[in-house]
Amino acid sequence: MTLEERIDNLDRQFGFIANPEDFDFNLSPGRIAYRNEALRTKNRDLYTAYLADHFPNEMAAELKRFDEILPKLRRVTKEEAEDIFRERGINLLQADFSAKDEDSIFKMLKVADEDLNWHLEGSDTDLLNNKARPSTVLNNLEHLWLLID
């Protein structure tokens, strides 16, 4: 999906273009889409231009975070991801978009087993910051974008 298609799709769901005041920096679907695209394509200038236009006050700190995250992002195969999850005891993933989206960037989490269902509650319908079990993600995707420390 192109960035423009993603923005259109997210705007249909959230209406953030017509009502930007309803979305702060952390929850802005547009910012999340631009950040994802910039990270995956290693195009810092794309994200910088977006931030300058929409969130100039947060730009310096956010670009610092971007620069810290970029070297940790890797596209891995399903098999590589499975090995990483097993070696690290990962039992929960958080995607910036849907856990079924091939462009989602996943943060690996390790939570207490007794808290796992609580973390997953309602996540099937989350369009942003979606959480899923690694097995669910591995069943849906051949390649994953993982943040690996």
N, C-alpha and C. Protein backbone atom coordinates (compact mmCIF):
# COMPACT_ATOMS: atom_id res chain seq x y z
N MET A 1 0.85 -1.17 0.00
CA MET A 1 0.00 0.00 0.00
C MET A 1 0.90 1.24 0.00
N THR A 2 0.57 2.18 -0.85
CA THR A 2 1.36 3.41 -0.88
C THR A 2 1.00 4.29 0.33
N LEU A 3 1.85 5.25 0.60
CA LEU A 3 1.59 6.17 1.71
C LEU A 3 0.27 6.91 1.49
N GLU A 4 0.02 7.36 0.27
CA GLU A 4 -1.21 8.08 -0.03
C GLU A 4 -2.43 7.19 0.21
N GLU A 5 -2.36 5.94 -0.22
CA GLU A 5 -3.47 5.00 0.00
C GLU A 5 -3.68 4.77 1.50
N ARG A 6 -2.58 4.64 2.24
CA ARG A 6 -2.69 4.43 3.69
C ARG A 6 -3.33 5.65 4.37
N ILE A 7 -2.89 6.83 3.98
CA ILE A 7 -3.46 8.06 4.55
C ILE A 7 -4.96 8.12 4.25
N ASP A 8 -5.34 7.84 3.01
CA ASP A 8 -6.77 7.84 2.64
C ASP A 8 -7.55 6.83 3.47
N ASN A 9 -7.00 5.64 3.60
CA ASN A 9 -7.66 4.58 4.37
C ASN A 9 -7.81 4.98 5.84
N LEU A 10 -6.76 5.49 6.42
CA LEU A 10 -6.82 5.91 7.82
C LEU A 10 -7.77 7.09 8.01
N ASP A 11 -7.79 7.99 7.04
CA ASP A 11 -8.69 9.14 7.15
C ASP A 11 -10.15 8.70 7.07
N ARG A 12 -10.45 7.71 6.25
CA ARG A 12 -11.82 7.18 6.21
C ARG A 12 -12.22 6.62 7.57
N GLN A 13 -11.27 6.00 8.25
CA GLN A 13 -11.55 5.40 9.56
C GLN A 13 -11.63 6.43 10.68
N PHE A 14 -10.75 7.43 10.65
CA PHE A 14 -10.60 8.34 11.77
C PHE A 14 -11.02 9.78 11.51
N GLY A 15 -11.06 10.21 10.25
CA GLY A 15 -11.41 11.58 9.93
C GLY A 15 -10.41 12.60 10.46
N PHE A 16 -9.14 12.24 10.47
CA PHE A 16 -8.13 13.12 11.07
C PHE A 16 -7.74 14.30 10.19
N ILE A 17 -7.98 14.21 8.90
CA ILE A 17 -7.61 15.33 8.02
C ILE A 17 -8.56 16.51 8.26
N ALA A 18 -9.84 16.24 8.35
CA ALA A 18 -10.82 17.31 8.58
C ALA A 18 -10.81 17.78 10.03
N ASN A 19 -10.39 16.92 10.95
CA ASN A 19 -10.44 17.25 12.38
C ASN A 19 -9.10 16.98 13.07
N PRO A 20 -8.03 17.64 12.64
CA PRO A 20 -6.71 17.36 13.23
C PRO A 20 -6.64 17.69 14.72
N GLU A 21 -7.47 18.61 15.17
CA GLU A 21 -7.45 18.99 16.59
C GLU A 21 -7.91 17.85 17.51
N ASP A 22 -8.56 16.85 16.94
CA ASP A 22 -9.02 15.70 17.74
C ASP A 22 -7.90 14.69 18.02
N PHE A 23 -6.74 14.90 17.40
CA PHE A 23 -5.66 13.92 17.51
C PHE A 23 -4.38 14.60 17.97
N ASP A 24 -3.92 14.22 19.15
CA ASP A 24 -2.65 14.78 19.61
C ASP A 24 -1.50 14.07 18.90
N PHE A 25 -0.31 14.50 19.19
CA PHE A 25 0.88 13.97 18.54
C PHE A 25 0.96 12.44 18.62
N ASN A 26 0.77 11.88 19.80
CA ASN A 26 0.93 10.44 19.99
C ASN A 26 -0.12 9.61 19.27
N LEU A 27 -1.30 10.15 19.08
CA LEU A 27 -2.40 9.39 18.48
C LEU A 27 -2.73 9.80 17.05
N SER A 28 -1.92 10.64 16.47
CA SER A 28 -2.20 11.10 15.11
C SER A 28 -1.98 9.98 14.09
N PRO A 29 -3.06 9.53 13.42
CA PRO A 29 -2.90 8.50 12.40
C PRO A 29 -1.97 8.93 11.27
N GLY A 30 -2.02 10.20 10.89
CA GLY A 30 -1.13 10.68 9.84
C GLY A 30 0.32 10.60 10.25
N ARG A 31 0.62 11.00 11.47
CA ARG A 31 2.00 10.94 11.95
C ARG A 31 2.49 9.50 12.00
N ILE A 32 1.64 8.60 12.47
CA ILE A 32 2.03 7.19 12.55
C ILE A 32 2.30 6.64 11.16
N ALA A 33 1.47 7.02 10.19
CA ALA A 33 1.67 6.55 8.81
C ALA A 33 2.97 7.09 8.22
N TYR A 34 3.23 8.37 8.42
CA TYR A 34 4.46 8.95 7.89
C TYR A 34 5.69 8.36 8.58
N ARG A 35 5.60 8.16 9.87
CA ARG A 35 6.74 7.59 10.61
C ARG A 35 7.04 6.18 10.11
N ASN A 36 5.99 5.38 9.95
CA ASN A 36 6.15 4.01 9.46
C ASN A 36 6.83 4.02 8.09
N GLU A 37 6.31 4.82 7.18
CA GLU A 37 6.87 4.89 5.82
C GLU A 37 8.32 5.35 5.85
N ALA A 38 8.60 6.36 6.64
CA ALA A 38 9.97 6.89 6.71
C ALA A 38 10.93 5.88 7.31
N LEU A 39 10.49 5.15 8.33
CA LEU A 39 11.36 4.13 8.93
C LEU A 39 11.63 2.99 7.94
N ARG A 40 10.58 2.47 7.33
CA ARG A 40 10.76 1.33 6.43
C ARG A 40 11.60 1.67 5.21
N THR A 41 11.47 2.91 4.73
CA THR A 41 12.21 3.31 3.53
C THR A 41 13.50 4.07 3.86
N LYS A 42 13.75 4.25 5.16
CA LYS A 42 14.91 5.00 5.63
C LYS A 42 14.95 6.40 5.03
N ASN A 43 13.77 7.01 4.99
CA ASN A 43 13.63 8.34 4.40
C ASN A 43 13.33 9.36 5.50
N ARG A 44 14.35 9.74 6.21
CA ARG A 44 14.21 10.69 7.33
C ARG A 44 13.65 12.03 6.85
N ASP A 45 14.02 12.44 5.63
CA ASP A 45 13.55 13.72 5.10
C ASP A 45 12.03 13.75 4.96
N LEU A 46 11.43 12.64 4.58
CA LEU A 46 9.98 12.55 4.47
C LEU A 46 9.32 12.85 5.82
N TYR A 47 9.83 12.22 6.86
CA TYR A 47 9.27 12.40 8.20
C TYR A 47 9.56 13.81 8.73
N THR A 48 10.74 14.31 8.46
CA THR A 48 11.11 15.66 8.89
C THR A 48 10.16 16.69 8.29
N ALA A 49 9.88 16.57 7.00
CA ALA A 49 8.97 17.52 6.33
C ALA A 49 7.57 17.43 6.93
N TYR A 50 7.10 16.21 7.19
CA TYR A 50 5.78 16.04 7.79
C TYR A 50 5.72 16.69 9.17
N LEU A 51 6.72 16.40 9.99
CA LEU A 51 6.74 16.97 11.34
C LEU A 51 6.82 18.49 11.30
N ALA A 52 7.61 19.03 10.41
CA ALA A 52 7.75 20.49 10.30
C ALA A 52 6.41 21.14 9.99
N ASP A 53 5.62 20.50 9.17
CA ASP A 53 4.30 21.04 8.79
C ASP A 53 3.24 20.83 9.85
N HIS A 54 3.29 19.71 10.57
CA HIS A 54 2.19 19.34 11.47
C HIS A 54 2.51 19.39 12.96
N PHE A 55 3.74 19.10 13.32
CA PHE A 55 4.12 19.04 14.74
C PHE A 55 5.51 19.64 14.97
N PRO A 56 5.69 20.91 14.63
CA PRO A 56 7.02 21.51 14.75
C PRO A 56 7.55 21.52 16.18
N ASN A 57 6.68 21.62 17.16
CA ASN A 57 7.14 21.66 18.56
C ASN A 57 7.70 20.32 19.02
N GLU A 58 7.25 19.24 18.43
CA GLU A 58 7.72 17.91 18.82
C GLU A 58 8.84 17.38 17.92
N MET A 59 9.17 18.15 16.88
CA MET A 59 10.09 17.66 15.85
C MET A 59 11.46 17.25 16.38
N ALA A 60 12.11 18.05 17.16
CA ALA A 60 13.47 17.74 17.60
C ALA A 60 13.51 16.44 18.41
N ALA A 61 12.64 16.31 19.38
CA ALA A 61 12.62 15.09 20.20
C ALA A 61 12.21 13.87 19.39
N GLU A 62 11.27 14.05 18.49
CA GLU A 62 10.80 12.92 17.69
C GLU A 62 11.86 12.45 16.70
N LEU A 63 12.58 13.37 16.10
CA LEU A 63 13.65 12.97 15.18
C LEU A 63 14.79 12.27 15.93
N LYS A 64 15.01 12.66 17.17
CA LYS A 64 16.01 11.95 18.00
C LYS A 64 15.55 10.50 18.22
N ARG A 65 14.26 10.31 18.54
CA ARG A 65 13.72 8.95 18.71
C ARG A 65 13.80 8.17 17.40
N PHE A 66 13.48 8.84 16.30
CA PHE A 66 13.56 8.21 14.98
C PHE A 66 14.97 7.69 14.72
N ASP A 67 15.96 8.53 15.00
CA ASP A 67 17.36 8.14 14.78
C ASP A 67 17.79 6.99 15.69
N GLU A 68 17.22 6.90 16.86
CA GLU A 68 17.53 5.80 17.78
C GLU A 68 16.88 4.50 17.33
N ILE A 69 15.69 4.59 16.75
CA ILE A 69 14.93 3.40 16.35
C ILE A 69 15.42 2.84 15.01
N LEU A 70 15.74 3.71 14.08
CA LEU A 70 16.07 3.27 12.72
C LEU A 70 17.08 2.13 12.66
N PRO A 71 18.20 2.17 13.39
CA PRO A 71 19.15 1.06 13.29
C PRO A 71 18.63 -0.26 13.89
N LYS A 72 17.55 -0.19 14.65
CA LYS A 72 16.99 -1.40 15.28
C LYS A 72 15.94 -2.08 14.40
N LEU A 73 15.54 -1.43 13.32
CA LEU A 73 14.48 -1.97 12.47
C LEU A 73 15.05 -2.93 11.44
N ARG A 74 14.47 -4.13 11.42
CA ARG A 74 14.90 -5.15 10.44
C ARG A 74 13.68 -5.84 9.86
N ARG A 75 13.75 -6.13 8.59
CA ARG A 75 12.72 -6.96 7.95
C ARG A 75 13.23 -8.39 8.01
N VAL A 76 12.44 -9.26 8.63
CA VAL A 76 12.85 -10.64 8.83
C VAL A 76 11.81 -11.59 8.25
N THR A 77 12.25 -12.79 7.95
CA THR A 77 11.33 -13.82 7.48
C THR A 77 10.53 -14.36 8.66
N LYS A 78 9.49 -15.07 8.34
CA LYS A 78 8.67 -15.71 9.37
C LYS A 78 9.52 -16.63 10.23
N GLU A 79 10.42 -17.38 9.61
CA GLU A 79 11.27 -18.32 10.33
C GLU A 79 12.25 -17.58 11.26
N GLU A 80 12.85 -16.50 10.76
CA GLU A 80 13.75 -15.71 11.60
C GLU A 80 13.00 -15.12 12.80
N ALA A 81 11.82 -14.62 12.54
CA ALA A 81 11.00 -14.04 13.62
C ALA A 81 10.66 -15.09 14.66
N GLU A 82 10.29 -16.26 14.21
CA GLU A 82 9.95 -17.35 15.13
C GLU A 82 11.13 -17.68 16.04
N ASP A 83 12.33 -17.73 15.48
CA ASP A 83 13.53 -17.99 16.28
C ASP A 83 13.77 -16.88 17.30
N ILE A 84 13.62 -15.63 16.86
CA ILE A 84 13.82 -14.49 17.76
C ILE A 84 12.81 -14.54 18.91
N PHE A 85 11.56 -14.80 18.60
CA PHE A 85 10.52 -14.84 19.64
C PHE A 85 10.81 -15.95 20.65
N ARG A 86 11.21 -17.11 20.14
CA ARG A 86 11.49 -18.25 21.01
C ARG A 86 12.71 -17.95 21.89
N GLU A 87 13.79 -17.45 21.30
CA GLU A 87 15.02 -17.16 22.06
C GLU A 87 14.81 -16.11 23.14
N ARG A 88 13.95 -15.14 22.87
CA ARG A 88 13.75 -14.02 23.81
C ARG A 88 12.51 -14.18 24.69
N GLY A 89 11.76 -15.25 24.48
CA GLY A 89 10.56 -15.46 25.28
C GLY A 89 9.47 -14.43 25.00
N ILE A 90 9.40 -13.96 23.76
CA ILE A 90 8.41 -12.94 23.39
C ILE A 90 7.03 -13.59 23.27
N ASN A 91 6.06 -13.02 23.97
CA ASN A 91 4.70 -13.58 23.91
C ASN A 91 3.65 -12.56 23.46
N LEU A 92 4.10 -11.35 23.10
CA LEU A 92 3.16 -10.32 22.65
C LEU A 92 3.88 -9.38 21.69
N LEU A 93 3.17 -8.98 20.65
CA LEU A 93 3.70 -8.02 19.69
C LEU A 93 2.76 -6.83 19.63
N GLN A 94 3.32 -5.65 19.47
CA GLN A 94 2.51 -4.46 19.27
C GLN A 94 2.89 -3.87 17.92
N ALA A 95 1.90 -3.74 17.05
CA ALA A 95 2.11 -3.20 15.71
C ALA A 95 1.69 -1.73 15.68
N ASP A 96 2.35 -0.94 14.88
CA ASP A 96 1.91 0.44 14.75
C ASP A 96 0.58 0.54 14.02
N PHE A 97 0.33 -0.39 13.10
CA PHE A 97 -0.97 -0.51 12.42
C PHE A 97 -1.61 -1.80 12.90
N SER A 98 -2.29 -2.47 12.01
CA SER A 98 -2.89 -3.76 12.31
C SER A 98 -1.82 -4.84 12.31
N ALA A 99 -1.98 -5.85 13.14
CA ALA A 99 -1.02 -6.96 13.17
C ALA A 99 -1.08 -7.79 11.90
N LYS A 100 -2.07 -7.56 11.06
CA LYS A 100 -2.20 -8.29 9.80
C LYS A 100 -1.64 -7.52 8.61
N ASP A 101 -1.17 -6.31 8.86
CA ASP A 101 -0.67 -5.45 7.80
C ASP A 101 0.80 -5.74 7.55
N GLU A 102 1.14 -6.04 6.32
CA GLU A 102 2.53 -6.40 5.98
C GLU A 102 3.52 -5.26 6.18
N ASP A 103 3.03 -4.03 6.27
CA ASP A 103 3.91 -2.89 6.49
C ASP A 103 4.02 -2.48 7.95
N SER A 104 3.29 -3.16 8.83
CA SER A 104 3.35 -2.81 10.25
C SER A 104 4.75 -3.03 10.81
N ILE A 105 5.11 -2.16 11.72
CA ILE A 105 6.37 -2.31 12.44
C ILE A 105 6.01 -2.82 13.83
N PHE A 106 6.63 -3.93 14.21
CA PHE A 106 6.29 -4.61 15.45
C PHE A 106 7.32 -4.35 16.54
N LYS A 107 6.81 -4.02 17.69
CA LYS A 107 7.60 -3.93 18.91
C LYS A 107 7.38 -5.25 19.65
N MET A 108 8.45 -5.88 20.10
CA MET A 108 8.36 -7.15 20.82
C MET A 108 8.18 -6.89 22.30
N LEU A 109 7.25 -7.62 22.90
CA LEU A 109 6.96 -7.45 24.33
C LEU A 109 6.98 -8.81 25.02
N LYS A 110 7.32 -8.76 26.26
CA LYS A 110 7.30 -9.95 27.10
C LYS A 110 6.49 -9.57 28.33
N VAL A 111 5.30 -10.15 28.45
CA VAL A 111 4.42 -9.82 29.58
C VAL A 111 4.15 -11.10 30.37
N ALA A 112 3.73 -10.92 31.60
CA ALA A 112 3.38 -12.07 32.43
C ALA A 112 2.25 -12.83 31.76
N ASP A 113 2.35 -14.15 31.75
CA ASP A 113 1.33 -14.96 31.09
C ASP A 113 -0.07 -14.66 31.59
N GLU A 114 -0.19 -14.40 32.89
CA GLU A 114 -1.52 -14.12 33.45
C GLU A 114 -2.08 -12.78 32.98
N ASP A 115 -1.22 -11.89 32.44
CA ASP A 115 -1.67 -10.59 31.95
C ASP A 115 -1.90 -10.56 30.44
N LEU A 116 -1.55 -11.64 29.76
CA LEU A 116 -1.60 -11.67 28.30
C LEU A 116 -3.01 -11.39 27.77
N ASN A 117 -4.02 -12.04 28.30
CA ASN A 117 -5.39 -11.82 27.81
C ASN A 117 -5.84 -10.39 28.03
N TRP A 118 -5.43 -9.80 29.14
CA TRP A 118 -5.77 -8.40 29.40
C TRP A 118 -5.18 -7.50 28.32
N HIS A 119 -3.94 -7.75 27.93
CA HIS A 119 -3.28 -6.94 26.89
C HIS A 119 -3.95 -7.12 25.54
N LEU A 120 -4.48 -8.30 25.29
CA LEU A 120 -5.08 -8.60 23.99
C LEU A 120 -6.55 -8.19 23.90
N GLU A 121 -7.16 -7.88 25.02
CA GLU A 121 -8.59 -7.55 25.05
C GLU A 121 -8.90 -6.38 24.12
N GLY A 122 -9.80 -6.61 23.17
CA GLY A 122 -10.23 -5.57 22.24
C GLY A 122 -9.26 -5.27 21.12
N SER A 123 -8.13 -5.94 21.09
CA SER A 123 -7.12 -5.59 20.09
C SER A 123 -7.48 -6.03 18.67
N ASP A 124 -8.43 -6.96 18.53
CA ASP A 124 -8.82 -7.41 17.18
C ASP A 124 -9.34 -6.24 16.33
N THR A 125 -9.93 -5.27 16.98
CA THR A 125 -10.54 -4.17 16.25
C THR A 125 -9.69 -2.90 16.24
N ASP A 126 -8.57 -2.90 16.93
CA ASP A 126 -7.70 -1.72 16.95
C ASP A 126 -7.05 -1.53 15.59
N LEU A 127 -7.17 -0.35 15.04
CA LEU A 127 -6.57 -0.06 13.73
C LEU A 127 -5.18 0.52 13.85
N LEU A 128 -4.83 0.98 15.05
CA LEU A 128 -3.50 1.48 15.34
C LEU A 128 -3.05 0.88 16.66
N ASN A 129 -1.75 0.70 16.81
CA ASN A 129 -1.19 0.12 18.04
C ASN A 129 -1.85 -1.21 18.40
N ASN A 130 -2.06 -2.01 17.41
CA ASN A 130 -2.70 -3.31 17.54
C ASN A 130 -1.76 -4.29 18.23
N LYS A 131 -2.30 -5.09 19.15
CA LYS A 131 -1.50 -6.11 19.83
C LYS A 131 -1.97 -7.49 19.41
N ALA A 132 -1.02 -8.42 19.33
CA ALA A 132 -1.34 -9.78 18.92
C ALA A 132 -0.29 -10.74 19.46
N ARG A 133 -0.68 -11.98 19.55
CA ARG A 133 0.27 -13.04 19.90
C ARG A 133 1.21 -13.26 18.72
N PRO A 134 2.44 -13.61 18.97
CA PRO A 134 3.36 -13.89 17.86
C PRO A 134 2.81 -14.96 16.90
N SER A 135 2.17 -15.98 17.42
CA SER A 135 1.65 -17.05 16.56
C SER A 135 0.61 -16.52 15.58
N THR A 136 -0.21 -15.57 16.03
CA THR A 136 -1.22 -14.97 15.15
C THR A 136 -0.55 -14.21 14.02
N VAL A 137 0.46 -13.45 14.35
CA VAL A 137 1.18 -12.66 13.33
C VAL A 137 1.89 -13.60 12.36
N LEU A 138 2.53 -14.62 12.88
CA LEU A 138 3.26 -15.55 12.03
C LEU A 138 2.33 -16.31 11.09
N ASN A 139 1.09 -16.51 11.48
CA ASN A 139 0.12 -17.17 10.61
C ASN A 139 -0.35 -16.28 9.47
N ASN A 140 -0.20 -14.97 9.63
CA ASN A 140 -0.72 -14.02 8.64
C ASN A 140 0.33 -13.41 7.73
N LEU A 141 1.59 -13.41 8.15
CA LEU A 141 2.62 -12.68 7.40
C LEU A 141 3.82 -13.57 7.08
N GLU A 142 4.39 -13.38 5.93
CA GLU A 142 5.60 -14.10 5.53
C GLU A 142 6.87 -13.36 5.96
N HIS A 143 6.78 -12.04 6.03
CA HIS A 143 7.88 -11.19 6.47
C HIS A 143 7.34 -10.21 7.49
N LEU A 144 8.20 -9.82 8.44
CA LEU A 144 7.80 -8.88 9.47
C LEU A 144 8.86 -7.79 9.60
N TRP A 145 8.40 -6.60 9.93
CA TRP A 145 9.29 -5.50 10.29
C TRP A 145 9.37 -5.52 11.82
N LEU A 146 10.55 -5.84 12.35
CA LEU A 146 10.72 -5.95 13.80
C LEU A 146 11.71 -4.92 14.31
N LEU A 147 11.39 -4.37 15.48
CA LEU A 147 12.35 -3.55 16.21
C LEU A 147 13.13 -4.49 17.11
N ILE A 148 14.42 -4.63 16.83
CA ILE A 148 15.25 -5.60 17.54
C ILE A 148 16.35 -4.85 18.29
N ASP A 149 16.33 -4.97 19.61
CA ASP A 149 17.38 -4.35 20.44
C ASP A 149 18.60 -5.24 20.48
